[in-house]
Amino acid sequence: MGEATPNLDEFFPEKKRVRNPLVPVGALITAGVLTAGLISFRQGNSQLGQKLMRARVVVQGATVALMVGTAYYYGGNPWRPR
């Protein structure tokens, strides 16, 4: 009855979990720019708010590209036959 629950690493020993430290930084920057843009819109400065929203799209795209690039670099290609 004292069995420990198996860890996922036991089932998938060849897969390592890789973390890119730039992804959380990009997420925080995205959230910050989004917040600043919403505050600008609320204060009536729609021109600055629009620029901040465009900047948010760029930062968010860069963050997604980092995530995809990290997965591609450290992960296997699922379309390549083994």
PDB file of N, CA and C in Angstrom:
ATOM      1  N   MET A   1       0.803  -1.198   0.000  1.00  0.00           N
ATOM      2  CA  MET A   1       0.000   0.000   0.000  1.00  0.00           C
ATOM      3  C   MET A   1       0.844   1.259   0.000  1.00  0.00           C
ATOM      4  N   GLY A   2       2.123   1.148   0.283  1.00  0.00           N
ATOM      5  CA  GLY A   2       2.983   2.310   0.368  1.00  0.00           C
ATOM      6  C   GLY A   2       3.621   2.654  -0.965  1.00  0.00           C
ATOM      7  N   GLU A   3       2.945   2.339  -2.080  1.00  0.00           N
ATOM      8  CA  GLU A   3       3.520   2.611  -3.399  1.00  0.00           C
ATOM      9  C   GLU A   3       3.497   4.107  -3.698  1.00  0.00           C
ATOM     10  N   ALA A   4       4.583   4.569  -4.277  1.00  0.00           N
ATOM     11  CA  ALA A   4       4.645   5.979  -4.690  1.00  0.00           C
ATOM     12  C   ALA A   4       4.047   6.115  -6.080  1.00  0.00           C
ATOM     13  N   THR A   5       3.445   7.232  -6.331  1.00  0.00           N
ATOM     14  CA  THR A   5       2.908   7.473  -7.665  1.00  0.00           C
ATOM     15  C   THR A   5       4.057   7.640  -8.652  1.00  0.00           C
ATOM     16  N   PRO A   6       3.934   7.050  -9.827  1.00  0.00           N
ATOM     17  CA  PRO A   6       5.025   7.151 -10.793  1.00  0.00           C
ATOM     18  C   PRO A   6       5.159   8.577 -11.330  1.00  0.00           C
ATOM     19  N   ASN A   7       6.383   8.941 -11.591  1.00  0.00           N
ATOM     20  CA  ASN A   7       6.693  10.255 -12.150  1.00  0.00           C
ATOM     21  C   ASN A   7       6.618  10.160 -13.673  1.00  0.00           C
ATOM     22  N   LEU A   8       6.304  11.256 -14.337  1.00  0.00           N
ATOM     23  CA  LEU A   8       6.236  11.241 -15.799  1.00  0.00           C
ATOM     24  C   LEU A   8       7.588  10.928 -16.429  1.00  0.00           C
ATOM     25  N   ASP A   9       8.676  11.298 -15.749  1.00  0.00           N
ATOM     26  CA  ASP A   9      10.009  11.015 -16.292  1.00  0.00           C
ATOM     27  C   ASP A   9      10.265   9.514 -16.390  1.00  0.00           C
ATOM     28  N   GLU A  10       9.596   8.731 -15.570  1.00  0.00           N
ATOM     29  CA  GLU A  10       9.750   7.285 -15.648  1.00  0.00           C
ATOM     30  C   GLU A  10       9.111   6.734 -16.924  1.00  0.00           C
ATOM     31  N   PHE A  11       8.038   7.348 -17.374  1.00  0.00           N
ATOM     32  CA  PHE A  11       7.367   6.898 -18.585  1.00  0.00           C
ATOM     33  C   PHE A  11       8.057   7.412 -19.845  1.00  0.00           C
ATOM     34  N   PHE A  12       8.612   8.618 -19.785  1.00  0.00           N
ATOM     35  CA  PHE A  12       9.247   9.243 -20.931  1.00  0.00           C
ATOM     36  C   PHE A  12      10.676   9.647 -20.577  1.00  0.00           C
ATOM     37  N   PRO A  13      11.587   8.700 -20.435  1.00  0.00           N
ATOM     38  CA  PRO A  13      12.938   9.058 -19.985  1.00  0.00           C
ATOM     39  C   PRO A  13      13.731   9.847 -21.018  1.00  0.00           C
ATOM     40  N   GLU A  14      13.396   9.717 -22.291  1.00  0.00           N
ATOM     41  CA  GLU A  14      14.169  10.409 -23.326  1.00  0.00           C
ATOM     42  C   GLU A  14      13.783  11.878 -23.473  1.00  0.00           C
ATOM     43  N   LYS A  15      12.660  12.272 -22.937  1.00  0.00           N
ATOM     44  CA  LYS A  15      12.206  13.655 -23.051  1.00  0.00           C
ATOM     45  C   LYS A  15      12.625  14.449 -21.828  1.00  0.00           C
ATOM     46  N   LYS A  16      13.276  15.562 -22.058  1.00  0.00           N
ATOM     47  CA  LYS A  16      13.625  16.452 -20.957  1.00  0.00           C
ATOM     48  C   LYS A  16      12.802  17.713 -21.087  1.00  0.00           C
ATOM     49  N   ARG A  17      12.407  18.262 -19.967  1.00  0.00           N
ATOM     50  CA  ARG A  17      11.650  19.504 -19.968  1.00  0.00           C
ATOM     51  C   ARG A  17      12.640  20.654 -20.018  1.00  0.00           C
ATOM     52  N   VAL A  18      12.543  21.447 -21.070  1.00  0.00           N
ATOM     53  CA  VAL A  18      13.474  22.555 -21.265  1.00  0.00           C
ATOM     54  C   VAL A  18      12.709  23.854 -21.075  1.00  0.00           C
ATOM     55  N   ARG A  19      13.297  24.746 -20.312  1.00  0.00           N
ATOM     56  CA  ARG A  19      12.662  26.040 -20.072  1.00  0.00           C
ATOM     57  C   ARG A  19      13.535  27.134 -20.641  1.00  0.00           C
ATOM     58  N   ASN A  20      12.946  27.982 -21.441  1.00  0.00           N
ATOM     59  CA  ASN A  20      13.649  29.139 -21.972  1.00  0.00           C
ATOM     60  C   ASN A  20      13.326  30.317 -21.056  1.00  0.00           C
ATOM     61  N   PRO A  21      14.333  30.903 -20.417  1.00  0.00           N
ATOM     62  CA  PRO A  21      14.045  31.982 -19.468  1.00  0.00           C
ATOM     63  C   PRO A  21      13.517  33.251 -20.129  1.00  0.00           C
ATOM     64  N   LEU A  22      13.640  33.364 -21.432  1.00  0.00           N
ATOM     65  CA  LEU A  22      13.154  34.560 -22.118  1.00  0.00           C
ATOM     66  C   LEU A  22      11.646  34.538 -22.334  1.00  0.00           C
ATOM     67  N   VAL A  23      11.037  33.364 -22.290  1.00  0.00           N
ATOM     68  CA  VAL A  23       9.585  33.268 -22.513  1.00  0.00           C
ATOM     69  C   VAL A  23       8.795  33.952 -21.392  1.00  0.00           C
ATOM     70  N   PRO A  24       9.080  33.697 -20.107  1.00  0.00           N
ATOM     71  CA  PRO A  24       8.347  34.438 -19.066  1.00  0.00           C
ATOM     72  C   PRO A  24       8.630  35.938 -19.102  1.00  0.00           C
ATOM     73  N   VAL A  25       9.847  36.316 -19.468  1.00  0.00           N
ATOM     74  CA  VAL A  25      10.167  37.742 -19.592  1.00  0.00           C
ATOM     75  C   VAL A  25       9.306  38.366 -20.685  1.00  0.00           C
ATOM     76  N   GLY A  26       9.190  37.682 -21.824  1.00  0.00           N
ATOM     77  CA  GLY A  26       8.339  38.180 -22.909  1.00  0.00           C
ATOM     78  C   GLY A  26       6.881  38.265 -22.506  1.00  0.00           C
ATOM     79  N   ALA A  27       6.423  37.298 -21.703  1.00  0.00           N
ATOM     80  CA  ALA A  27       5.035  37.333 -21.240  1.00  0.00           C
ATOM     81  C   ALA A  27       4.798  38.521 -20.306  1.00  0.00           C
ATOM     82  N   LEU A  28       5.764  38.794 -19.439  1.00  0.00           N
ATOM     83  CA  LEU A  28       5.624  39.942 -18.540  1.00  0.00           C
ATOM     84  C   LEU A  28       5.663  41.264 -19.308  1.00  0.00           C
ATOM     85  N   ILE A  29       6.538  41.348 -20.301  1.00  0.00           N
ATOM     86  CA  ILE A  29       6.591  42.570 -21.114  1.00  0.00           C
ATOM     87  C   ILE A  29       5.279  42.751 -21.869  1.00  0.00           C
ATOM     88  N   THR A  30       4.746  41.654 -22.406  1.00  0.00           N
ATOM     89  CA  THR A  30       3.463  41.721 -23.108  1.00  0.00           C
ATOM     90  C   THR A  30       2.362  42.222 -22.183  1.00  0.00           C
ATOM     91  N   ALA A  31       2.318  41.683 -20.974  1.00  0.00           N
ATOM     92  CA  ALA A  31       1.301  42.113 -20.009  1.00  0.00           C
ATOM     93  C   ALA A  31       1.482  43.581 -19.630  1.00  0.00           C
ATOM     94  N   GLY A  32       2.729  44.015 -19.485  1.00  0.00           N
ATOM     95  CA  GLY A  32       2.992  45.415 -19.139  1.00  0.00           C
ATOM     96  C   GLY A  32       2.573  46.377 -20.228  1.00  0.00           C
ATOM     97  N   VAL A  33       2.890  46.033 -21.472  1.00  0.00           N
ATOM     98  CA  VAL A  33       2.514  46.901 -22.598  1.00  0.00           C
ATOM     99  C   VAL A  33       0.997  46.914 -22.763  1.00  0.00           C
ATOM    100  N   LEU A  34       0.355  45.762 -22.569  1.00  0.00           N
ATOM    101  CA  LEU A  34      -1.106  45.702 -22.645  1.00  0.00           C
ATOM    102  C   LEU A  34      -1.739  46.585 -21.579  1.00  0.00           C
ATOM    103  N   THR A  35      -1.226  46.503 -20.362  1.00  0.00           N
ATOM    104  CA  THR A  35      -1.763  47.321 -19.274  1.00  0.00           C
ATOM    105  C   THR A  35      -1.585  48.805 -19.558  1.00  0.00           C
ATOM    106  N   ALA A  36      -0.386  49.182 -20.028  1.00  0.00           N
ATOM    107  CA  ALA A  36      -0.137  50.589 -20.349  1.00  0.00           C
ATOM    108  C   ALA A  36      -1.055  51.065 -21.473  1.00  0.00           C
ATOM    109  N   GLY A  37      -1.301  50.211 -22.462  1.00  0.00           N
ATOM    110  CA  GLY A  37      -2.198  50.582 -23.549  1.00  0.00           C
ATOM    111  C   GLY A  37      -3.627  50.778 -23.086  1.00  0.00           C
ATOM    112  N   LEU A  38      -4.093  49.878 -22.215  1.00  0.00           N
ATOM    113  CA  LEU A  38      -5.459  50.016 -21.695  1.00  0.00           C
ATOM    114  C   LEU A  38      -5.606  51.267 -20.836  1.00  0.00           C
ATOM    115  N   ILE A  39      -4.569  51.577 -20.053  1.00  0.00           N
ATOM    116  CA  ILE A  39      -4.605  52.801 -19.242  1.00  0.00           C
ATOM    117  C   ILE A  39      -4.634  54.028 -20.139  1.00  0.00           C
ATOM    118  N   SER A  40      -3.853  54.000 -21.222  1.00  0.00           N
ATOM    119  CA  SER A  40      -3.848  55.134 -22.152  1.00  0.00           C
ATOM    120  C   SER A  40      -5.213  55.339 -22.784  1.00  0.00           C
ATOM    121  N   PHE A  41      -5.856  54.239 -23.186  1.00  0.00           N
ATOM    122  CA  PHE A  41      -7.199  54.359 -23.762  1.00  0.00           C
ATOM    123  C   PHE A  41      -8.178  54.929 -22.739  1.00  0.00           C
ATOM    124  N   ARG A  42      -8.056  54.468 -21.511  1.00  0.00           N
ATOM    125  CA  ARG A  42      -8.981  54.926 -20.469  1.00  0.00           C
ATOM    126  C   ARG A  42      -8.797  56.414 -20.169  1.00  0.00           C
ATOM    127  N   GLN A  43      -7.573  56.897 -20.279  1.00  0.00           N
ATOM    128  CA  GLN A  43      -7.296  58.307 -20.020  1.00  0.00           C
ATOM    129  C   GLN A  43      -7.622  59.190 -21.219  1.00  0.00           C
ATOM    130  N   GLY A  44      -7.993  58.586 -22.325  1.00  0.00           N
ATOM    131  CA  GLY A  44      -8.401  59.363 -23.488  1.00  0.00           C
ATOM    132  C   GLY A  44      -7.299  59.605 -24.507  1.00  0.00           C
ATOM    133  N   ASN A  45      -6.114  59.039 -24.284  1.00  0.00           N
ATOM    134  CA  ASN A  45      -5.017  59.208 -25.225  1.00  0.00           C
ATOM    135  C   ASN A  45      -5.024  58.028 -26.194  1.00  0.00           C
ATOM    136  N   SER A  46      -5.928  58.090 -27.165  1.00  0.00           N
ATOM    137  CA  SER A  46      -6.105  56.938 -28.054  1.00  0.00           C
ATOM    138  C   SER A  46      -4.931  56.750 -29.005  1.00  0.00           C
ATOM    139  N   GLN A  47      -4.234  57.821 -29.345  1.00  0.00           N
ATOM    140  CA  GLN A  47      -3.095  57.688 -30.255  1.00  0.00           C
ATOM    141  C   GLN A  47      -1.965  56.880 -29.596  1.00  0.00           C
ATOM    142  N   LEU A  48      -1.642  57.191 -28.346  1.00  0.00           N
ATOM    143  CA  LEU A  48      -0.623  56.435 -27.618  1.00  0.00           C
ATOM    144  C   LEU A  48      -1.103  55.014 -27.349  1.00  0.00           C
ATOM    145  N   GLY A  49      -2.368  54.864 -27.016  1.00  0.00           N
ATOM    146  CA  GLY A  49      -2.930  53.534 -26.778  1.00  0.00           C
ATOM    147  C   GLY A  49      -2.824  52.655 -28.008  1.00  0.00           C
ATOM    148  N   GLN A  50      -3.083  53.236 -29.177  1.00  0.00           N
ATOM    149  CA  GLN A  50      -2.978  52.475 -30.424  1.00  0.00           C
ATOM    150  C   GLN A  50      -1.543  52.026 -30.683  1.00  0.00           C
ATOM    151  N   LYS A  51      -0.586  52.916 -30.420  1.00  0.00           N
ATOM    152  CA  LYS A  51       0.829  52.551 -30.601  1.00  0.00           C
ATOM    153  C   LYS A  51       1.235  51.448 -29.629  1.00  0.00           C
ATOM    154  N   LEU A  52       0.749  51.538 -28.402  1.00  0.00           N
ATOM    155  CA  LEU A  52       1.074  50.508 -27.418  1.00  0.00           C
ATOM    156  C   LEU A  52       0.439  49.165 -27.778  1.00  0.00           C
ATOM    157  N   MET A  53      -0.758  49.197 -28.337  1.00  0.00           N
ATOM    158  CA  MET A  53      -1.394  47.944 -28.750  1.00  0.00           C
ATOM    159  C   MET A  53      -0.633  47.305 -29.914  1.00  0.00           C
ATOM    160  N   ARG A  54      -0.124  48.125 -30.815  1.00  0.00           N
ATOM    161  CA  ARG A  54       0.697  47.583 -31.911  1.00  0.00           C
ATOM    162  C   ARG A  54       2.001  47.015 -31.370  1.00  0.00           C
ATOM    163  N   ALA A  55       2.585  47.688 -30.387  1.00  0.00           N
ATOM    164  CA  ALA A  55       3.805  47.183 -29.757  1.00  0.00           C
ATOM    165  C   ALA A  55       3.528  45.860 -29.044  1.00  0.00           C
ATOM    166  N   ARG A  56       2.349  45.756 -28.437  1.00  0.00           N
ATOM    167  CA  ARG A  56       1.982  44.513 -27.763  1.00  0.00           C
ATOM    168  C   ARG A  56       1.931  43.350 -28.734  1.00  0.00           C
ATOM    169  N   VAL A  57       1.399  43.592 -29.923  1.00  0.00           N
ATOM    170  CA  VAL A  57       1.321  42.531 -30.927  1.00  0.00           C
ATOM    171  C   VAL A  57       2.724  42.069 -31.324  1.00  0.00           C
ATOM    172  N   VAL A  58       3.641  43.015 -31.463  1.00  0.00           N
ATOM    173  CA  VAL A  58       5.013  42.661 -31.833  1.00  0.00           C
ATOM    174  C   VAL A  58       5.683  41.855 -30.719  1.00  0.00           C
ATOM    175  N   VAL A  59       5.537  42.316 -29.481  1.00  0.00           N
ATOM    176  CA  VAL A  59       6.161  41.620 -28.350  1.00  0.00           C
ATOM    177  C   VAL A  59       5.536  40.243 -28.158  1.00  0.00           C
ATOM    178  N   GLN A  60       4.235  40.165 -28.329  1.00  0.00           N
ATOM    179  CA  GLN A  60       3.555  38.882 -28.179  1.00  0.00           C
ATOM    180  C   GLN A  60       3.993  37.915 -29.273  1.00  0.00           C
ATOM    181  N   GLY A  61       4.144  38.412 -30.485  1.00  0.00           N
ATOM    182  CA  GLY A  61       4.624  37.567 -31.583  1.00  0.00           C
ATOM    183  C   GLY A  61       6.039  37.067 -31.335  1.00  0.00           C
ATOM    184  N   ALA A  62       6.893  37.935 -30.793  1.00  0.00           N
ATOM    185  CA  ALA A  62       8.259  37.524 -30.477  1.00  0.00           C
ATOM    186  C   ALA A  62       8.267  36.449 -29.391  1.00  0.00           C
ATOM    187  N   THR A  63       7.378  36.567 -28.417  1.00  0.00           N
ATOM    188  CA  THR A  63       7.301  35.577 -27.348  1.00  0.00           C
ATOM    189  C   THR A  63       6.845  34.234 -27.899  1.00  0.00           C
ATOM    190  N   VAL A  64       5.858  34.243 -28.762  1.00  0.00           N
ATOM    191  CA  VAL A  64       5.387  32.996 -29.376  1.00  0.00           C
ATOM    192  C   VAL A  64       6.489  32.396 -30.246  1.00  0.00           C
ATOM    193  N   ALA A  65       7.226  33.238 -30.969  1.00  0.00           N
ATOM    194  CA  ALA A  65       8.330  32.741 -31.786  1.00  0.00           C
ATOM    195  C   ALA A  65       9.411  32.105 -30.910  1.00  0.00           C
ATOM    196  N   LEU A  66       9.673  32.679 -29.735  1.00  0.00           N
ATOM    197  CA  LEU A  66      10.619  32.065 -28.801  1.00  0.00           C
ATOM    198  C   LEU A  66      10.140  30.693 -28.334  1.00  0.00           C
ATOM    199  N   MET A  67       8.858  30.593 -28.046  1.00  0.00           N
ATOM    200  CA  MET A  67       8.307  29.315 -27.599  1.00  0.00           C
ATOM    201  C   MET A  67       8.424  28.260 -28.696  1.00  0.00           C
ATOM    202  N   VAL A  68       8.061  28.636 -29.915  1.00  0.00           N
ATOM    203  CA  VAL A  68       8.127  27.689 -31.035  1.00  0.00           C
ATOM    204  C   VAL A  68       9.581  27.327 -31.339  1.00  0.00           C
ATOM    205  N   GLY A  69      10.457  28.331 -31.316  1.00  0.00           N
ATOM    206  CA  GLY A  69      11.866  28.075 -31.581  1.00  0.00           C
ATOM    207  C   GLY A  69      12.492  27.170 -30.542  1.00  0.00           C
ATOM    208  N   THR A  70      12.137  27.359 -29.285  1.00  0.00           N
ATOM    209  CA  THR A  70      12.659  26.500 -28.224  1.00  0.00           C
ATOM    210  C   THR A  70      12.151  25.071 -28.397  1.00  0.00           C
ATOM    211  N   ALA A  71      10.880  24.927 -28.709  1.00  0.00           N
ATOM    212  CA  ALA A  71      10.315  23.589 -28.913  1.00  0.00           C
ATOM    213  C   ALA A  71      10.958  22.908 -30.119  1.00  0.00           C
ATOM    214  N   TYR A  72      11.215  23.658 -31.170  1.00  0.00           N
ATOM    215  CA  TYR A  72      11.833  23.076 -32.366  1.00  0.00           C
ATOM    216  C   TYR A  72      13.283  22.693 -32.094  1.00  0.00           C
ATOM    217  N   TYR A  73      14.018  23.556 -31.388  1.00  0.00           N
ATOM    218  CA  TYR A  73      15.437  23.324 -31.151  1.00  0.00           C
ATOM    219  C   TYR A  73      15.667  22.136 -30.220  1.00  0.00           C
ATOM    220  N   TYR A  74      14.882  22.037 -29.145  1.00  0.00           N
ATOM    221  CA  TYR A  74      15.087  20.988 -28.162  1.00  0.00           C
ATOM    222  C   TYR A  74      14.212  19.767 -28.379  1.00  0.00           C
ATOM    223  N   GLY A  75      13.177  19.916 -29.145  1.00  0.00           N
ATOM    224  CA  GLY A  75      12.266  18.795 -29.360  1.00  0.00           C
ATOM    225  C   GLY A  75      12.612  18.043 -30.624  1.00  0.00           C
ATOM    226  N   GLY A  76      11.985  16.904 -30.771  1.00  0.00           N
ATOM    227  CA  GLY A  76      12.183  16.116 -31.966  1.00  0.00           C
ATOM    228  C   GLY A  76      11.224  16.557 -33.058  1.00  0.00           C
ATOM    229  N   ASN A  77      11.541  16.209 -34.274  1.00  0.00           N
ATOM    230  CA  ASN A  77      10.682  16.532 -35.401  1.00  0.00           C
ATOM    231  C   ASN A  77       9.641  15.419 -35.538  1.00  0.00           C
ATOM    232  N   PRO A  78       8.360  15.709 -35.325  1.00  0.00           N
ATOM    233  CA  PRO A  78       7.362  14.643 -35.364  1.00  0.00           C
ATOM    234  C   PRO A  78       7.100  14.108 -36.764  1.00  0.00           C
ATOM    235  N   TRP A  79       7.523  14.807 -37.803  1.00  0.00           N
ATOM    236  CA  TRP A  79       7.274  14.369 -39.163  1.00  0.00           C
ATOM    237  C   TRP A  79       8.417  13.536 -39.731  1.00  0.00           C
ATOM    238  N   ARG A  80       9.527  13.460 -39.030  1.00  0.00           N
ATOM    239  CA  ARG A  80      10.663  12.694 -39.510  1.00  0.00           C
ATOM    240  C   ARG A  80      10.489  11.253 -39.060  1.00  0.00           C
ATOM    241  N   PRO A  81      10.629  10.284 -39.979  1.00  0.00           N
ATOM    242  CA  PRO A  81      10.500   8.892 -39.566  1.00  0.00           C
ATOM    243  C   PRO A  81      11.674   8.482 -38.671  1.00  0.00           C
ATOM    244  N   ARG A  82      11.375   7.618 -37.718  1.00  0.00           N
ATOM    245  CA  ARG A  82      12.430   7.190 -36.776  1.00  0.00           C
ATOM    246  C   ARG A  82      13.156   5.974 -37.270  1.00  0.00           C
TER     247      ARG A  82
END
